[in-house]
Amino acid sequence: MIQIPAGGQIDFQVEAKIGYVHRIIQGAFAPYYFNGTESEWSNIQTVSIPVSSTSESPTPTVPEFPVIILLPVLLSLFSVAVLFKHRKTRNQTSYCSSFGTAKN
């Protein structure tokens, strides 16, 4: 990353490319090749960094999860798990008992 001091300047140019990059294996080498269209380089542009640009980046805020919500959520999940387990057991019991009461 380039560090530009406050009050400093940086010059840059831009070149546009439309196409794709591919590799051709040539022995032990596999150089990259560009296949497409390139523009000319732009004129040199200069960006000046003001001296007073030493603003701090804001710290990201993470929403807090209220601990008071944790207990009801866990109890709800446990209740749903018990209900599904009970329903599964009840269905298996009724299925097995229906075969035991069959008459010939």
Protein backbone atom coordinates (compact mmCIF):
# COMPACT_ATOMS: atom_id res chain seq x y z
CA MET A 1 0.00 0.00 0.00
CA ILE A 2 1.31 3.43 -0.90
CA GLN A 3 1.57 5.84 2.00
CA ILE A 4 1.02 9.47 0.99
CA PRO A 5 1.78 11.98 3.71
CA ALA A 6 -0.59 14.86 4.49
CA GLY A 7 0.26 17.75 2.18
CA GLY A 8 1.80 15.34 -0.35
CA GLN A 9 0.98 14.73 -4.00
CA ILE A 10 0.79 11.68 -6.22
CA ASP A 11 0.74 11.43 -10.01
CA PHE A 12 -1.04 8.62 -11.82
CA GLN A 13 -2.18 7.45 -15.25
CA VAL A 14 -4.94 5.07 -16.30
CA GLU A 15 -5.14 2.54 -19.13
CA ALA A 16 -8.38 0.71 -19.95
CA LYS A 17 -8.37 -2.93 -21.03
CA ILE A 18 -11.29 -4.99 -22.30
CA GLY A 19 -10.61 -8.70 -22.77
CA TYR A 20 -9.32 -11.63 -20.79
CA VAL A 21 -6.08 -13.05 -19.42
CA HIS A 22 -4.95 -16.62 -20.07
CA ARG A 23 -1.83 -18.74 -19.69
CA ILE A 24 0.10 -20.76 -22.22
CA ILE A 25 2.38 -23.41 -20.79
CA GLN A 26 5.81 -23.20 -22.38
CA GLY A 27 8.07 -25.83 -20.84
CA ALA A 28 8.67 -24.89 -17.20
CA PHE A 29 7.05 -21.48 -17.65
CA ALA A 30 3.40 -20.47 -17.87
CA PRO A 31 3.32 -16.73 -18.59
CA TYR A 32 0.09 -14.73 -18.63
CA TYR A 33 -1.18 -13.30 -21.91
CA PHE A 34 -3.79 -10.60 -22.42
CA ASN A 35 -6.20 -11.04 -25.31
CA GLY A 36 -8.33 -7.99 -25.98
CA THR A 37 -8.28 -4.26 -26.62
CA GLU A 38 -6.22 -1.66 -24.79
CA SER A 39 -6.66 2.10 -24.70
CA GLU A 40 -3.87 4.64 -24.75
CA TRP A 41 -2.52 5.82 -21.41
CA SER A 42 -4.37 8.83 -20.02
CA ASN A 43 -2.73 12.18 -19.38
CA ILE A 44 -0.92 12.44 -16.06
CA GLN A 45 -3.30 13.36 -13.24
CA THR A 46 -2.11 14.79 -9.92
CA VAL A 47 -3.91 14.33 -6.62
CA SER A 48 -2.98 16.61 -3.72
CA ILE A 49 -3.63 15.41 -0.19
CA PRO A 50 -4.63 18.33 2.06
CA VAL A 51 -2.76 18.83 5.32
CA SER A 52 -5.99 18.75 7.35
CA SER A 53 -7.07 15.35 6.02
CA THR A 54 -6.04 13.42 9.12
CA SER A 55 -9.55 12.28 9.97
CA GLU A 56 -9.90 9.00 11.77
CA SER A 57 -11.95 6.31 10.17
CA PRO A 58 -15.08 5.51 12.17
CA THR A 59 -15.01 2.34 14.18
CA PRO A 60 -17.64 -0.12 13.02
CA THR A 61 -20.42 -0.75 15.48
CA VAL A 62 -21.54 -4.26 16.25
CA PRO A 63 -25.13 -4.54 17.42
CA GLU A 64 -25.30 -5.98 20.90
CA PHE A 65 -27.41 -9.07 21.50
CA PRO A 66 -29.40 -8.66 24.73
CA VAL A 67 -28.60 -11.52 27.08
CA ILE A 68 -32.16 -11.40 28.43
CA ILE A 69 -33.38 -12.73 25.05
CA LEU A 70 -31.02 -15.72 25.17
CA LEU A 71 -32.95 -17.71 27.81
CA PRO A 72 -36.38 -17.58 26.05
CA VAL A 73 -34.77 -18.46 22.71
CA LEU A 74 -32.99 -21.48 24.18
CA LEU A 75 -36.15 -22.61 26.01
CA SER A 76 -38.15 -22.31 22.78
CA LEU A 77 -35.61 -24.37 20.84
CA PHE A 78 -35.59 -27.03 23.56
CA SER A 79 -39.42 -27.16 23.59
CA VAL A 80 -39.57 -27.59 19.80
CA ALA A 81 -36.97 -30.37 19.96
CA VAL A 82 -38.95 -32.18 22.69
CA LEU A 83 -42.21 -31.85 20.73
CA PHE A 84 -40.65 -33.28 17.56
CA LYS A 85 -39.07 -36.13 19.52
CA HIS A 86 -42.40 -36.88 21.24
CA ARG A 87 -44.29 -36.73 17.92
CA LYS A 88 -41.76 -39.06 16.28
CA THR A 89 -42.00 -41.54 19.18
CA ARG A 90 -45.82 -41.37 19.18
CA ASN A 91 -45.98 -41.96 15.41
CA GLN A 92 -43.65 -44.96 15.64
CA THR A 93 -45.68 -46.41 18.54
CA SER A 94 -49.03 -46.04 16.75
CA TYR A 95 -47.52 -47.47 13.56
CA CYS A 96 -46.18 -50.54 15.38
CA SER A 97 -49.37 -51.07 17.38
CA SER A 98 -51.50 -50.97 14.23
CA PHE A 99 -49.59 -53.97 12.90
CA GLY A 100 -49.97 -55.83 16.22
CA THR A 101 -53.77 -55.60 16.17
CA ALA A 102 -54.28 -56.79 12.60
CA LYS A 103 -56.73 -59.69 12.23
CA ASN A 104 -56.42 -62.50 9.70
